[in-house]
Amino acid sequence: MQKHRWINRRIVGATVACTVALACALIAPSVHASSKRAQQKKAPATWARCFSISGARYNINPYLLAGISVVESRGNPAAVSPSPAYGLLQVDHSWLPKLKQRFGFTKSDLLEPCTNIDVAAWILAHELKAKGDTWEAVGALNAACTTLKGARCRSQRAWYSWKVYQAMANLTPEDVGHTAPTQAPQ
C-alpha cells in the first residue's frame, strides 16, 4: 500500500465520476496491477523512468503521464496520428512553433520517448495552472473545445479523463520507472 500512497498527490476530482475514481486510486492500482503484472510478466519500457523524472520536474503524478500514454498511443513511441500528433503522449502539431521557438524541438524530437513525455508534462502543467488541479485539465489535453461547447465539451473531457484513470489503474510502479522493493535477506 505504501508504494501507492503518493498516487493522488495531483489532480482533484472535477466531476462526480472522476472524483469517485480518484478516491479509489489508492487501492485500484495495487489490486489490479498485481494480478495483471502476474499475467503479463513483461519488462518495463526503457523510457519508463522518464515518467517519474518529468513528473517530478513539473509536479505531476507519473502514473497520470503513463496513463495518458496508454490512452493516446498504447505505449507506441513512434505513433503519429492523422491530426497529426506525435509520440507516446501524442503532442499535437499545433505546439510545434512554440516548441521550436522555446526549446528548438522539431517533430522528430517528439518521437524520442523521453522528450515526448517531458513536453507533454510541460503542456499538462500549463493546463493544470490554467484550469486548476482538476480532471478537467486532463480532459483539455484531448478536447480543446474550440468546436465543442458547454455540456458537450465537459462530457468529452470527462470521458477522456475516465479513460486515463482506467489506464492508470492498470499500471505498476515498474511502468513508471520505480523498481519493485527488494525483500530483506532472511
Protein backbone atom coordinates (compact mmCIF):
# COMPACT_ATOMS: atom_id res chain seq x y z
CA MET A 1 0.00 0.00 0.00
CA GLN A 2 2.88 2.35 0.78
CA LYS A 3 4.17 2.27 -2.80
CA HIS A 4 0.89 3.85 -3.98
CA ARG A 5 0.42 6.32 -1.11
CA TRP A 6 1.53 9.29 -3.21
CA ILE A 7 -0.64 8.45 -6.22
CA ASN A 8 -3.18 11.19 -5.60
CA ARG A 9 -0.66 13.94 -4.94
CA ARG A 10 -2.00 15.74 -8.01
CA ILE A 11 -5.43 16.10 -9.60
CA VAL A 12 -8.53 16.50 -7.53
CA GLY A 13 -11.87 15.48 -8.97
CA ALA A 14 -13.76 17.83 -11.28
CA THR A 15 -16.72 15.58 -11.97
CA VAL A 16 -18.53 13.15 -9.72
CA ALA A 17 -17.32 10.13 -11.69
CA CYS A 18 -13.73 11.30 -11.69
CA THR A 19 -13.88 12.24 -8.01
CA VAL A 20 -15.04 8.75 -7.09
CA ALA A 21 -12.42 7.26 -9.39
CA LEU A 22 -9.67 9.29 -7.78
CA ALA A 23 -10.78 8.22 -4.31
CA CYS A 24 -10.31 4.63 -5.43
CA ALA A 25 -6.90 5.33 -6.96
CA LEU A 26 -5.09 4.46 -3.76
CA ILE A 27 -6.45 0.92 -3.85
CA ALA A 28 -7.16 0.18 -7.51
CA PRO A 29 -3.61 0.25 -8.91
CA SER A 30 -2.25 -2.19 -6.35
CA VAL A 31 -5.19 -4.58 -6.68
CA HIS A 32 -5.50 -4.56 -10.47
CA ALA A 33 -1.84 -4.14 -11.29
CA SER A 34 -0.55 -7.00 -9.18
CA SER A 35 -2.83 -9.53 -10.89
CA LYS A 36 -2.24 -8.00 -14.32
CA ARG A 37 1.55 -7.97 -13.82
CA ALA A 38 1.45 -11.61 -12.75
CA GLN A 39 -0.30 -12.47 -16.01
CA GLN A 40 1.87 -10.35 -18.32
CA LYS A 41 5.38 -10.59 -16.79
CA LYS A 42 6.78 -8.11 -19.31
CA ALA A 43 9.76 -5.89 -18.78
CA PRO A 44 9.02 -2.18 -18.32
CA ALA A 45 9.74 0.07 -21.27
CA THR A 46 13.22 1.58 -21.43
CA TRP A 47 11.68 5.04 -21.07
CA ALA A 48 9.53 4.20 -18.02
CA ARG A 49 11.81 6.19 -15.71
CA CYS A 50 11.09 9.31 -17.81
CA PHE A 51 7.53 9.38 -16.43
CA SER A 52 8.95 9.82 -12.92
CA ILE A 53 11.61 12.31 -13.97
CA SER A 54 9.19 14.55 -15.91
CA GLY A 55 6.51 14.09 -13.26
CA ALA A 56 8.91 15.33 -10.59
CA ARG A 57 10.07 18.23 -12.78
CA TYR A 58 6.50 19.50 -13.31
CA ASN A 59 4.91 18.19 -10.09
CA ILE A 60 2.65 15.77 -11.96
CA ASN A 61 1.87 12.22 -10.89
CA PRO A 62 3.94 9.88 -13.12
CA TYR A 63 1.02 7.43 -13.17
CA LEU A 64 -1.03 10.17 -14.82
CA LEU A 65 1.59 10.70 -17.53
CA ALA A 66 1.91 6.96 -18.14
CA GLY A 67 -1.90 6.59 -18.22
CA ILE A 68 -2.14 9.30 -20.86
CA SER A 69 0.47 7.47 -22.95
CA VAL A 70 -1.59 4.27 -22.80
CA VAL A 71 -4.74 6.09 -23.92
CA GLU A 72 -3.04 8.19 -26.58
CA SER A 73 -0.66 5.74 -28.27
CA ARG A 74 -0.98 2.40 -26.46
CA GLY A 75 2.64 2.93 -25.47
CA ASN A 76 3.93 3.31 -29.03
CA PRO A 77 6.72 5.94 -29.12
CA ALA A 78 6.58 6.09 -32.93
CA ALA A 79 2.83 6.81 -33.09
CA VAL A 80 1.73 9.59 -35.44
CA SER A 81 -1.97 10.39 -35.69
CA PRO A 82 -3.76 11.87 -38.72
CA SER A 83 -4.21 15.25 -36.97
CA PRO A 84 -1.03 14.99 -36.77
CA ALA A 85 0.10 14.38 -33.22
CA TYR A 86 3.38 12.72 -32.32
CA GLY A 87 4.81 10.11 -29.99
CA LEU A 88 3.82 8.40 -26.78
CA LEU A 89 1.59 11.17 -25.45
CA GLN A 90 0.51 12.43 -28.89
CA VAL A 91 1.76 16.03 -28.72
CA ASP A 92 -0.32 17.94 -31.25
CA HIS A 93 1.37 19.60 -34.21
CA SER A 94 -0.08 22.97 -33.18
CA TRP A 95 2.53 23.07 -30.39
CA LEU A 96 5.46 22.77 -32.82
CA PRO A 97 6.02 26.53 -33.46
CA LYS A 98 6.13 27.26 -29.73
CA LEU A 99 8.31 24.21 -29.03
CA LYS A 100 10.69 25.17 -31.86
CA GLN A 101 10.98 28.76 -30.62
CA ARG A 102 11.30 27.93 -26.93
CA PHE A 103 13.29 24.66 -26.95
CA GLY A 104 14.40 24.13 -30.56
CA PHE A 105 12.30 20.94 -30.85
CA THR A 106 11.08 19.56 -34.17
CA LYS A 107 8.53 16.84 -34.88
CA SER A 108 11.32 14.23 -35.00
CA ASP A 109 12.29 15.22 -31.44
CA LEU A 110 8.73 14.43 -30.35
CA LEU A 111 9.24 10.83 -31.48
CA GLU A 112 12.00 10.42 -28.88
CA PRO A 113 10.12 8.93 -25.89
CA CYS A 114 11.65 10.92 -23.02
CA THR A 115 11.43 14.22 -24.93
CA ASN A 116 7.79 13.49 -25.76
CA ILE A 117 6.99 12.70 -22.13
CA ASP A 118 8.72 15.85 -20.93
CA VAL A 119 6.97 18.08 -23.49
CA ALA A 120 3.58 16.56 -22.65
CA ALA A 121 4.23 17.09 -18.94
CA TRP A 122 5.13 20.72 -19.67
CA ILE A 123 1.86 21.15 -21.63
CA LEU A 124 -0.16 19.43 -18.88
CA ALA A 125 1.45 21.68 -16.25
CA HIS A 126 0.18 24.69 -18.23
CA GLU A 127 -3.33 23.18 -18.41
CA LEU A 128 -3.28 22.50 -14.67
CA LYS A 129 -2.20 26.05 -13.98
CA ALA A 130 -4.89 27.49 -16.27
CA LYS A 131 -7.79 25.22 -15.28
CA GLY A 132 -6.81 24.25 -11.76
CA ASP A 133 -5.70 20.92 -10.36
CA THR A 134 -8.65 19.02 -11.83
CA TRP A 135 -9.53 16.19 -14.17
CA GLU A 136 -10.95 18.91 -16.45
CA ALA A 137 -7.36 19.98 -17.13
CA VAL A 138 -6.50 16.39 -18.08
CA GLY A 139 -9.55 16.27 -20.37
CA ALA A 140 -8.42 19.51 -22.01
CA LEU A 141 -5.42 17.64 -23.41
CA ASN A 142 -7.83 15.73 -25.62
CA ALA A 143 -10.66 18.23 -26.10
CA ALA A 144 -9.54 21.83 -26.53
CA CYS A 145 -13.22 22.64 -27.09
CA THR A 146 -12.71 25.02 -29.97
CA THR A 147 -15.74 23.49 -31.70
CA LEU A 148 -17.38 21.66 -28.79
CA LYS A 149 -19.03 23.98 -26.30
CA GLY A 150 -20.78 23.77 -22.93
CA ALA A 151 -22.05 20.39 -21.81
CA ARG A 152 -20.67 18.61 -24.91
CA CYS A 153 -17.19 19.92 -24.13
CA ARG A 154 -17.41 18.92 -20.46
CA SER A 155 -18.73 15.49 -21.43
CA GLN A 156 -15.84 14.86 -23.86
CA ARG A 157 -13.31 15.95 -21.25
CA ALA A 158 -14.88 13.74 -18.58
CA TRP A 159 -14.92 10.75 -20.97
CA TYR A 160 -11.23 11.22 -21.78
CA SER A 161 -10.29 11.68 -18.11
CA TRP A 162 -12.14 8.49 -17.21
CA LYS A 163 -10.19 6.56 -19.87
CA VAL A 164 -6.93 7.92 -18.47
CA TYR A 165 -7.95 6.96 -14.94
CA GLN A 166 -8.77 3.42 -16.06
CA ALA A 167 -5.37 3.15 -17.75
CA MET A 168 -3.68 4.41 -14.57
CA ALA A 169 -5.41 1.68 -12.56
CA ASN A 170 -3.59 -0.99 -14.59
CA LEU A 171 -0.10 0.44 -14.17
CA THR A 172 2.56 -0.84 -11.80
CA PRO A 173 5.46 1.01 -10.17
CA GLU A 174 7.75 -0.54 -12.78
CA ASP A 175 5.65 1.02 -15.55
CA VAL A 176 6.58 4.48 -14.26
CA GLY A 177 10.22 3.71 -13.58
CA HIS A 178 10.04 2.68 -9.94
CA THR A 179 11.71 -0.60 -9.23
CA ALA A 180 9.96 -3.09 -7.01
CA PRO A 181 11.24 -3.05 -3.45
CA THR A 182 13.66 -5.87 -2.79
CA GLN A 183 12.98 -8.18 0.09
CA ALA A 184 15.35 -8.16 3.04
CA PRO A 185 17.55 -11.25 3.31
CA GLN A 186 16.26 -13.78 5.80
